[in-house]
Amino acid sequence: MLSIVVIAYRNEDTILRAVASLLDQKAKHPYEVIVVASGGGRSAQLVRDRYPEVHVLEFVRRLLPGAARNVGVEKARGRFVSFLAANCLAEPG
């Protein structure tokens, strides 16, 4: 299994497109998407509302990218872990 950790800091304008770009992947192996949202804002709630199958971790205080990645890795169940920033899109395939 692959775990994909999306790190978000107040990315309300881009988070849903980023998560959709992952969930729309055609993969022959199972994968999970974990969103680590920090610093307040509505990013975490937007993902929870639209994609209830995505595991969302929310922190009021801002986590720097390394700390956010570490939190995501701790929750990941996959043998491999990949990362995507919340203002990026995953290419098909």
PDB file of N, CA and C in Angstrom:
ATOM      1  N   MET A   1       0.843  -1.183   0.000  1.00  0.00           N
ATOM      2  CA  MET A   1       0.000   0.000   0.000  1.00  0.00           C
ATOM      3  C   MET A   1       0.885   1.240   0.000  1.00  0.00           C
ATOM      4  N   LEU A   2       0.390   2.267  -0.654  1.00  0.00           N
ATOM      5  CA  LEU A   2       1.049   3.572  -0.693  1.00  0.00           C
ATOM      6  C   LEU A   2       0.250   4.534   0.159  1.00  0.00           C
ATOM      7  N   SER A   3       0.929   5.345   0.937  1.00  0.00           N
ATOM      8  CA  SER A   3       0.294   6.427   1.681  1.00  0.00           C
ATOM      9  C   SER A   3       0.748   7.738   1.065  1.00  0.00           C
ATOM     10  N   ILE A   4      -0.198   8.627   0.840  1.00  0.00           N
ATOM     11  CA  ILE A   4       0.123   9.942   0.293  1.00  0.00           C
ATOM     12  C   ILE A   4      -0.285  10.974   1.327  1.00  0.00           C
ATOM     13  N   VAL A   5       0.677  11.759   1.766  1.00  0.00           N
ATOM     14  CA  VAL A   5       0.441  12.785   2.779  1.00  0.00           C
ATOM     15  C   VAL A   5       0.392  14.140   2.080  1.00  0.00           C
ATOM     16  N   VAL A   6      -0.729  14.821   2.254  1.00  0.00           N
ATOM     17  CA  VAL A   6      -0.895  16.168   1.709  1.00  0.00           C
ATOM     18  C   VAL A   6      -0.716  17.141   2.870  1.00  0.00           C
ATOM     19  N   ILE A   7       0.239  18.050   2.738  1.00  0.00           N
ATOM     20  CA  ILE A   7       0.451  19.024   3.805  1.00  0.00           C
ATOM     21  C   ILE A   7      -0.190  20.345   3.402  1.00  0.00           C
ATOM     22  N   ALA A   8      -0.988  20.889   4.325  1.00  0.00           N
ATOM     23  CA  ALA A   8      -1.762  22.090   4.029  1.00  0.00           C
ATOM     24  C   ALA A   8      -1.602  23.126   5.124  1.00  0.00           C
ATOM     25  N   TYR A   9      -1.458  24.356   4.699  1.00  0.00           N
ATOM     26  CA  TYR A   9      -1.468  25.499   5.615  1.00  0.00           C
ATOM     27  C   TYR A   9      -2.354  26.572   4.978  1.00  0.00           C
ATOM     28  N   ARG A  10      -3.584  26.629   5.448  1.00  0.00           N
ATOM     29  CA  ARG A  10      -4.542  27.624   4.954  1.00  0.00           C
ATOM     30  C   ARG A  10      -4.647  27.616   3.426  1.00  0.00           C
ATOM     31  N   ASN A  11      -4.888  26.441   2.879  1.00  0.00           N
ATOM     32  CA  ASN A  11      -4.977  26.266   1.426  1.00  0.00           C
ATOM     33  C   ASN A  11      -6.415  26.081   0.960  1.00  0.00           C
ATOM     34  N   GLU A  12      -7.311  26.894   1.465  1.00  0.00           N
ATOM     35  CA  GLU A  12      -8.723  26.746   1.124  1.00  0.00           C
ATOM     36  C   GLU A  12      -8.986  26.812  -0.376  1.00  0.00           C
ATOM     37  N   ASP A  13      -8.203  27.586  -1.101  1.00  0.00           N
ATOM     38  CA  ASP A  13      -8.432  27.755  -2.538  1.00  0.00           C
ATOM     39  C   ASP A  13      -7.926  26.591  -3.385  1.00  0.00           C
ATOM     40  N   THR A  14      -7.046  25.759  -2.830  1.00  0.00           N
ATOM     41  CA  THR A  14      -6.418  24.713  -3.646  1.00  0.00           C
ATOM     42  C   THR A  14      -6.545  23.299  -3.096  1.00  0.00           C
ATOM     43  N   ILE A  15      -6.889  23.139  -1.834  1.00  0.00           N
ATOM     44  CA  ILE A  15      -6.836  21.818  -1.192  1.00  0.00           C
ATOM     45  C   ILE A  15      -7.756  20.797  -1.866  1.00  0.00           C
ATOM     46  N   LEU A  16      -8.947  21.190  -2.237  1.00  0.00           N
ATOM     47  CA  LEU A  16      -9.873  20.217  -2.833  1.00  0.00           C
ATOM     48  C   LEU A  16      -9.389  19.726  -4.187  1.00  0.00           C
ATOM     49  N   ARG A  17      -8.796  20.590  -4.981  1.00  0.00           N
ATOM     50  CA  ARG A  17      -8.242  20.151  -6.277  1.00  0.00           C
ATOM     51  C   ARG A  17      -7.063  19.207  -6.055  1.00  0.00           C
ATOM     52  N   ALA A  18      -6.231  19.515  -5.057  1.00  0.00           N
ATOM     53  CA  ALA A  18      -5.078  18.649  -4.780  1.00  0.00           C
ATOM     54  C   ALA A  18      -5.539  17.252  -4.378  1.00  0.00           C
ATOM     55  N   VAL A  19      -6.485  17.175  -3.455  1.00  0.00           N
ATOM     56  CA  VAL A  19      -6.990  15.870  -3.007  1.00  0.00           C
ATOM     57  C   VAL A  19      -7.691  15.146  -4.151  1.00  0.00           C
ATOM     58  N   ALA A  20      -8.485  15.859  -4.929  1.00  0.00           N
ATOM     59  CA  ALA A  20      -9.164  15.230  -6.071  1.00  0.00           C
ATOM     60  C   ALA A  20      -8.159  14.649  -7.056  1.00  0.00           C
ATOM     61  N   SER A  21      -7.042  15.335  -7.264  1.00  0.00           N
ATOM     62  CA  SER A  21      -6.031  14.837  -8.204  1.00  0.00           C
ATOM     63  C   SER A  21      -5.435  13.516  -7.726  1.00  0.00           C
ATOM     64  N   LEU A  22      -5.477  13.263  -6.439  1.00  0.00           N
ATOM     65  CA  LEU A  22      -5.002  11.987  -5.900  1.00  0.00           C
ATOM     66  C   LEU A  22      -6.088  10.917  -5.961  1.00  0.00           C
ATOM     67  N   LEU A  23      -7.280  11.279  -5.562  1.00  0.00           N
ATOM     68  CA  LEU A  23      -8.374  10.302  -5.544  1.00  0.00           C
ATOM     69  C   LEU A  23      -8.797   9.871  -6.940  1.00  0.00           C
ATOM     70  N   ASP A  24      -8.528  10.686  -7.938  1.00  0.00           N
ATOM     71  CA  ASP A  24      -8.879  10.353  -9.320  1.00  0.00           C
ATOM     72  C   ASP A  24      -7.849   9.452 -10.008  1.00  0.00           C
ATOM     73  N   GLN A  25      -6.777   9.106  -9.314  1.00  0.00           N
ATOM     74  CA  GLN A  25      -5.745   8.256  -9.905  1.00  0.00           C
ATOM     75  C   GLN A  25      -6.287   6.860 -10.188  1.00  0.00           C
ATOM     76  N   LYS A  26      -5.863   6.292 -11.288  1.00  0.00           N
ATOM     77  CA  LYS A  26      -6.178   4.902 -11.622  1.00  0.00           C
ATOM     78  C   LYS A  26      -4.975   4.069 -11.204  1.00  0.00           C
ATOM     79  N   ALA A  27      -5.113   3.360 -10.101  1.00  0.00           N
ATOM     80  CA  ALA A  27      -3.986   2.597  -9.552  1.00  0.00           C
ATOM     81  C   ALA A  27      -4.377   1.135  -9.391  1.00  0.00           C
ATOM     82  N   LYS A  28      -3.434   0.261  -9.641  1.00  0.00           N
ATOM     83  CA  LYS A  28      -3.729  -1.158  -9.478  1.00  0.00           C
ATOM     84  C   LYS A  28      -3.501  -1.627  -8.049  1.00  0.00           C
ATOM     85  N   HIS A  29      -2.874  -0.802  -7.238  1.00  0.00           N
ATOM     86  CA  HIS A  29      -2.639  -1.132  -5.834  1.00  0.00           C
ATOM     87  C   HIS A  29      -3.379  -0.133  -4.950  1.00  0.00           C
ATOM     88  N   PRO A  30      -3.809  -0.561  -3.773  1.00  0.00           N
ATOM     89  CA  PRO A  30      -4.529   0.355  -2.890  1.00  0.00           C
ATOM     90  C   PRO A  30      -3.619   1.468  -2.361  1.00  0.00           C
ATOM     91  N   TYR A  31      -4.227   2.600  -2.086  1.00  0.00           N
ATOM     92  CA  TYR A  31      -3.484   3.714  -1.499  1.00  0.00           C
ATOM     93  C   TYR A  31      -4.418   4.513  -0.608  1.00  0.00           C
ATOM     94  N   GLU A  32      -3.823   5.214   0.326  1.00  0.00           N
ATOM     95  CA  GLU A  32      -4.583   6.064   1.224  1.00  0.00           C
ATOM     96  C   GLU A  32      -4.084   7.497   1.090  1.00  0.00           C
ATOM     97  N   VAL A  33      -4.990   8.428   1.366  1.00  0.00           N
ATOM     98  CA  VAL A  33      -4.652   9.844   1.346  1.00  0.00           C
ATOM     99  C   VAL A  33      -4.853  10.386   2.754  1.00  0.00           C
ATOM    100  N   ILE A  34      -3.820  11.050   3.254  1.00  0.00           N
ATOM    101  CA  ILE A  34      -3.848  11.659   4.577  1.00  0.00           C
ATOM    102  C   ILE A  34      -3.580  13.145   4.397  1.00  0.00           C
ATOM    103  N   VAL A  35      -4.457  13.981   4.933  1.00  0.00           N
ATOM    104  CA  VAL A  35      -4.255  15.424   4.884  1.00  0.00           C
ATOM    105  C   VAL A  35      -3.842  15.899   6.268  1.00  0.00           C
ATOM    106  N   VAL A  36      -2.730  16.622   6.324  1.00  0.00           N
ATOM    107  CA  VAL A  36      -2.285  17.254   7.566  1.00  0.00           C
ATOM    108  C   VAL A  36      -2.457  18.754   7.371  1.00  0.00           C
ATOM    109  N   ALA A  37      -3.468  19.314   8.032  1.00  0.00           N
ATOM    110  CA  ALA A  37      -3.781  20.738   7.906  1.00  0.00           C
ATOM    111  C   ALA A  37      -3.421  21.436   9.214  1.00  0.00           C
ATOM    112  N   SER A  38      -2.744  22.570   9.105  1.00  0.00           N
ATOM    113  CA  SER A  38      -2.353  23.280  10.314  1.00  0.00           C
ATOM    114  C   SER A  38      -2.532  24.780  10.140  1.00  0.00           C
ATOM    115  N   GLY A  39      -2.502  25.475  11.275  1.00  0.00           N
ATOM    116  CA  GLY A  39      -2.538  26.926  11.255  1.00  0.00           C
ATOM    117  C   GLY A  39      -3.918  27.531  11.156  1.00  0.00           C
ATOM    118  N   GLY A  40      -4.944  26.764  11.444  1.00  0.00           N
ATOM    119  CA  GLY A  40      -6.297  27.303  11.354  1.00  0.00           C
ATOM    120  C   GLY A  40      -6.794  27.299   9.928  1.00  0.00           C
ATOM    121  N   GLY A  41      -7.784  28.091   9.673  1.00  0.00           N
ATOM    122  CA  GLY A  41      -8.374  28.110   8.339  1.00  0.00           C
ATOM    123  C   GLY A  41      -9.386  26.994   8.182  1.00  0.00           C
ATOM    124  N   ARG A  42      -9.898  26.832   6.960  1.00  0.00           N
ATOM    125  CA  ARG A  42     -10.965  25.874   6.691  1.00  0.00           C
ATOM    126  C   ARG A  42     -10.531  24.680   5.853  1.00  0.00           C
ATOM    127  N   SER A  43      -9.248  24.535   5.595  1.00  0.00           N
ATOM    128  CA  SER A  43      -8.782  23.448   4.725  1.00  0.00           C
ATOM    129  C   SER A  43      -9.243  22.083   5.209  1.00  0.00           C
ATOM    130  N   ALA A  44      -9.055  21.802   6.482  1.00  0.00           N
ATOM    131  CA  ALA A  44      -9.408  20.491   7.029  1.00  0.00           C
ATOM    132  C   ALA A  44     -10.906  20.227   6.883  1.00  0.00           C
ATOM    133  N   GLN A  45     -11.722  21.209   7.201  1.00  0.00           N
ATOM    134  CA  GLN A  45     -13.170  21.019   7.131  1.00  0.00           C
ATOM    135  C   GLN A  45     -13.656  20.840   5.699  1.00  0.00           C
ATOM    136  N   LEU A  46     -13.064  21.565   4.779  1.00  0.00           N
ATOM    137  CA  LEU A  46     -13.427  21.397   3.371  1.00  0.00           C
ATOM    138  C   LEU A  46     -13.188  19.962   2.918  1.00  0.00           C
ATOM    139  N   VAL A  47     -12.039  19.396   3.293  1.00  0.00           N
ATOM    140  CA  VAL A  47     -11.723  18.014   2.899  1.00  0.00           C
ATOM    141  C   VAL A  47     -12.665  17.045   3.594  1.00  0.00           C
ATOM    142  N   ARG A  48     -12.917  17.236   4.881  1.00  0.00           N
ATOM    143  CA  ARG A  48     -13.836  16.341   5.598  1.00  0.00           C
ATOM    144  C   ARG A  48     -15.218  16.332   4.949  1.00  0.00           C
ATOM    145  N   ASP A  49     -15.701  17.517   4.589  1.00  0.00           N
ATOM    146  CA  ASP A  49     -17.034  17.615   4.011  1.00  0.00           C
ATOM    147  C   ASP A  49     -17.124  16.968   2.629  1.00  0.00           C
ATOM    148  N   ARG A  50     -16.117  17.143   1.801  1.00  0.00           N
ATOM    149  CA  ARG A  50     -16.165  16.654   0.414  1.00  0.00           C
ATOM    150  C   ARG A  50     -15.694  15.208   0.290  1.00  0.00           C
ATOM    151  N   TYR A  51     -14.685  14.844   1.084  1.00  0.00           N
ATOM    152  CA  TYR A  51     -14.064  13.521   0.951  1.00  0.00           C
ATOM    153  C   TYR A  51     -13.985  12.819   2.308  1.00  0.00           C
ATOM    154  N   PRO A  52     -15.087  12.276   2.789  1.00  0.00           N
ATOM    155  CA  PRO A  52     -15.072  11.639   4.111  1.00  0.00           C
ATOM    156  C   PRO A  52     -14.145  10.416   4.199  1.00  0.00           C
ATOM    157  N   GLU A  53     -13.752   9.871   3.058  1.00  0.00           N
ATOM    158  CA  GLU A  53     -12.856   8.707   3.074  1.00  0.00           C
ATOM    159  C   GLU A  53     -11.398   9.086   3.328  1.00  0.00           C
ATOM    160  N   VAL A  54     -11.078  10.369   3.291  1.00  0.00           N
ATOM    161  CA  VAL A  54      -9.709  10.845   3.506  1.00  0.00           C
ATOM    162  C   VAL A  54      -9.491  11.065   4.995  1.00  0.00           C
ATOM    163  N   HIS A  55      -8.363  10.581   5.477  1.00  0.00           N
ATOM    164  CA  HIS A  55      -8.001  10.786   6.881  1.00  0.00           C
ATOM    165  C   HIS A  55      -7.437  12.205   7.034  1.00  0.00           C
ATOM    166  N   VAL A  56      -8.051  13.015   7.894  1.00  0.00           N
ATOM    167  CA  VAL A  56      -7.636  14.405   8.076  1.00  0.00           C
ATOM    168  C   VAL A  56      -7.128  14.609   9.494  1.00  0.00           C
ATOM    169  N   LEU A  57      -5.924  15.154   9.589  1.00  0.00           N
ATOM    170  CA  LEU A  57      -5.335  15.524  10.875  1.00  0.00           C
ATOM    171  C   LEU A  57      -5.248  17.043  10.911  1.00  0.00           C
ATOM    172  N   GLU A  58      -5.828  17.653  11.941  1.00  0.00           N
ATOM    173  CA  GLU A  58      -5.889  19.113  11.999  1.00  0.00           C
ATOM    174  C   GLU A  58      -5.197  19.633  13.247  1.00  0.00           C
ATOM    175  N   PHE A  59      -4.391  20.684  13.060  1.00  0.00           N
ATOM    176  CA  PHE A  59      -3.667  21.317  14.156  1.00  0.00           C
ATOM    177  C   PHE A  59      -3.921  22.813  14.120  1.00  0.00           C
ATOM    178  N   VAL A  60      -4.264  23.382  15.255  1.00  0.00           N
ATOM    179  CA  VAL A  60      -4.520  24.824  15.334  1.00  0.00           C
ATOM    180  C   VAL A  60      -3.239  25.603  15.091  1.00  0.00           C
ATOM    181  N   ARG A  61      -2.153  25.147  15.690  1.00  0.00           N
ATOM    182  CA  ARG A  61      -0.874  25.845  15.499  1.00  0.00           C
ATOM    183  C   ARG A  61      -0.278  25.452  14.156  1.00  0.00           C
ATOM    184  N   ARG A  62       0.496  26.329  13.614  1.00  0.00           N
ATOM    185  CA  ARG A  62       1.117  26.039  12.323  1.00  0.00           C
ATOM    186  C   ARG A  62       2.234  25.023  12.476  1.00  0.00           C
ATOM    187  N   LEU A  63       2.230  24.016  11.622  1.00  0.00           N
ATOM    188  CA  LEU A  63       3.328  23.056  11.550  1.00  0.00           C
ATOM    189  C   LEU A  63       4.157  23.407  10.329  1.00  0.00           C
ATOM    190  N   LEU A  64       5.453  23.476  10.513  1.00  0.00           N
ATOM    191  CA  LEU A  64       6.328  23.667   9.363  1.00  0.00           C
ATOM    192  C   LEU A  64       6.309  22.390   8.525  1.00  0.00           C
ATOM    193  N   PRO A  65       6.716  22.454   7.262  1.00  0.00           N
ATOM    194  CA  PRO A  65       6.588  21.283   6.378  1.00  0.00           C
ATOM    195  C   PRO A  65       7.179  19.989   6.936  1.00  0.00           C
ATOM    196  N   GLY A  66       8.348  20.054   7.534  1.00  0.00           N
ATOM    197  CA  GLY A  66       8.962  18.835   8.073  1.00  0.00           C
ATOM    198  C   GLY A  66       8.124  18.216   9.173  1.00  0.00           C
ATOM    199  N   ALA A  67       7.622  19.033  10.067  1.00  0.00           N
ATOM    200  CA  ALA A  67       6.779  18.534  11.162  1.00  0.00           C
ATOM    201  C   ALA A  67       5.472  17.964  10.621  1.00  0.00           C
ATOM    202  N   ALA A  68       4.874  18.624   9.643  1.00  0.00           N
ATOM    203  CA  ALA A  68       3.629  18.125   9.046  1.00  0.00           C
ATOM    204  C   ALA A  68       3.871  16.776   8.364  1.00  0.00           C
ATOM    205  N   ARG A  69       4.972  16.653   7.653  1.00  0.00           N
ATOM    206  CA  ARG A  69       5.295  15.371   7.018  1.00  0.00           C
ATOM    207  C   ARG A  69       5.473  14.271   8.068  1.00  0.00           C
ATOM    208  N   ASN A  70       6.176  14.600   9.157  1.00  0.00           N
ATOM    209  CA  ASN A  70       6.410  13.613  10.215  1.00  0.00           C
ATOM    210  C   ASN A  70       5.107  13.130  10.832  1.00  0.00           C
ATOM    211  N   VAL A  71       4.171  14.041  11.067  1.00  0.00           N
ATOM    212  CA  VAL A  71       2.870  13.659  11.618  1.00  0.00           C
ATOM    213  C   VAL A  71       2.156  12.731  10.642  1.00  0.00           C
ATOM    214  N   GLY A  72       2.204  13.059   9.361  1.00  0.00           N
ATOM    215  CA  GLY A  72       1.579  12.216   8.358  1.00  0.00           C
ATOM    216  C   GLY A  72       2.199  10.834   8.291  1.00  0.00           C
ATOM    217  N   VAL A  73       3.509  10.759   8.360  1.00  0.00           N
ATOM    218  CA  VAL A  73       4.209   9.474   8.329  1.00  0.00           C
ATOM    219  C   VAL A  73       3.815   8.622   9.534  1.00  0.00           C
ATOM    220  N   GLU A  74       3.664   9.250  10.689  1.00  0.00           N
ATOM    221  CA  GLU A  74       3.268   8.501  11.893  1.00  0.00           C
ATOM    222  C   GLU A  74       1.905   7.839  11.724  1.00  0.00           C
ATOM    223  N   LYS A  75       1.000   8.467  10.994  1.00  0.00           N
ATOM    224  CA  LYS A  75      -0.345   7.926  10.790  1.00  0.00           C
ATOM    225  C   LYS A  75      -0.449   7.024   9.558  1.00  0.00           C
ATOM    226  N   ALA A  76       0.550   7.059   8.709  1.00  0.00           N
ATOM    227  CA  ALA A  76       0.517   6.298   7.458  1.00  0.00           C
ATOM    228  C   ALA A  76       0.548   4.798   7.720  1.00  0.00           C
ATOM    229  N   ARG A  77      -0.236   4.078   6.934  1.00  0.00           N
ATOM    230  CA  ARG A  77      -0.258   2.622   7.025  1.00  0.00           C
ATOM    231  C   ARG A  77       0.492   1.966   5.875  1.00  0.00           C
ATOM    232  N   GLY A  78       0.863   2.756   4.888  1.00  0.00           N
ATOM    233  CA  GLY A  78       1.506   2.206   3.704  1.00  0.00           C
ATOM    234  C   GLY A  78       2.959   1.840   3.915  1.00  0.00           C
ATOM    235  N   ARG A  79       3.412   0.951   3.062  1.00  0.00           N
ATOM    236  CA  ARG A  79       4.829   0.572   3.078  1.00  0.00           C
ATOM    237  C   ARG A  79       5.683   1.710   2.511  1.00  0.00           C
ATOM    238  N   PHE A  80       5.098   2.451   1.580  1.00  0.00           N
ATOM    239  CA  PHE A  80       5.763   3.597   0.965  1.00  0.00           C
ATOM    240  C   PHE A  80       4.929   4.841   1.246  1.00  0.00           C
ATOM    241  N   VAL A  81       5.615   5.971   1.381  1.00  0.00           N
ATOM    242  CA  VAL A  81       4.943   7.242   1.656  1.00  0.00           C
ATOM    243  C   VAL A  81       5.396   8.270   0.634  1.00  0.00           C
ATOM    244  N   SER A  82       4.425   8.988   0.101  1.00  0.00           N
ATOM    245  CA  SER A  82       4.692  10.068  -0.838  1.00  0.00           C
ATOM    246  C   SER A  82       4.074  11.342  -0.273  1.00  0.00           C
ATOM    247  N   PHE A  83       4.539  12.481  -0.745  1.00  0.00           N
ATOM    248  CA  PHE A  83       4.054  13.757  -0.234  1.00  0.00           C
ATOM    249  C   PHE A  83       3.594  14.645  -1.380  1.00  0.00           C
ATOM    250  N   LEU A  84       2.567  15.451  -1.086  1.00  0.00           N
ATOM    251  CA  LEU A  84       2.071  16.426  -2.034  1.00  0.00           C
ATOM    252  C   LEU A  84       1.704  17.677  -1.252  1.00  0.00           C
ATOM    253  N   ALA A  85       2.157  18.822  -1.721  1.00  0.00           N
ATOM    254  CA  ALA A  85       1.740  20.082  -1.113  1.00  0.00           C
ATOM    255  C   ALA A  85       0.317  20.381  -1.562  1.00  0.00           C
ATOM    256  N   ALA A  86      -0.435  21.055  -0.711  1.00  0.00           N
ATOM    257  CA  ALA A  86      -1.854  21.309  -0.977  1.00  0.00           C
ATOM    258  C   ALA A  86      -2.089  22.295  -2.116  1.00  0.00           C
ATOM    259  N   ASN A  87      -1.031  22.920  -2.610  1.00  0.00           N
ATOM    260  CA  ASN A  87      -1.201  23.828  -3.753  1.00  0.00           C
ATOM    261  C   ASN A  87      -0.636  23.208  -5.032  1.00  0.00           C
ATOM    262  N   CYS A  88      -0.481  21.883  -5.027  1.00  0.00           N
ATOM    263  CA  CYS A  88       0.024  21.148  -6.198  1.00  0.00           C
ATOM    264  C   CYS A  88      -1.007  20.122  -6.635  1.00  0.00           C
ATOM    265  N   LEU A  89      -0.833  19.636  -7.867  1.00  0.00           N
ATOM    266  CA  LEU A  89      -1.711  18.600  -8.395  1.00  0.00           C
ATOM    267  C   LEU A  89      -0.875  17.391  -8.780  1.00  0.00           C
ATOM    268  N   ALA A  90      -1.418  16.218  -8.533  1.00  0.00           N
ATOM    269  CA  ALA A  90      -0.763  14.981  -8.966  1.00  0.00           C
ATOM    270  C   ALA A  90      -1.115  14.742 -10.433  1.00  0.00           C
ATOM    271  N   GLU A  91      -0.115  14.449 -11.222  1.00  0.00           N
ATOM    272  CA  GLU A  91      -0.336  14.134 -12.630  1.00  0.00           C
ATOM    273  C   GLU A  91      -0.988  12.762 -12.739  1.00  0.00           C
ATOM    274  N   PRO A  92      -1.850  12.555 -13.717  1.00  0.00           N
ATOM    275  CA  PRO A  92      -2.445  11.219 -13.883  1.00  0.00           C
ATOM    276  C   PRO A  92      -1.368  10.149 -14.067  1.00  0.00           C
ATOM    277  N   GLY A  93      -1.607   9.020 -13.442  1.00  0.00           N
ATOM    278  CA  GLY A  93      -0.672   7.907 -13.577  1.00  0.00           C
ATOM    279  C   GLY A  93       0.446   7.944 -12.589  1.00  0.00           C
TER     280      GLY A  93
END
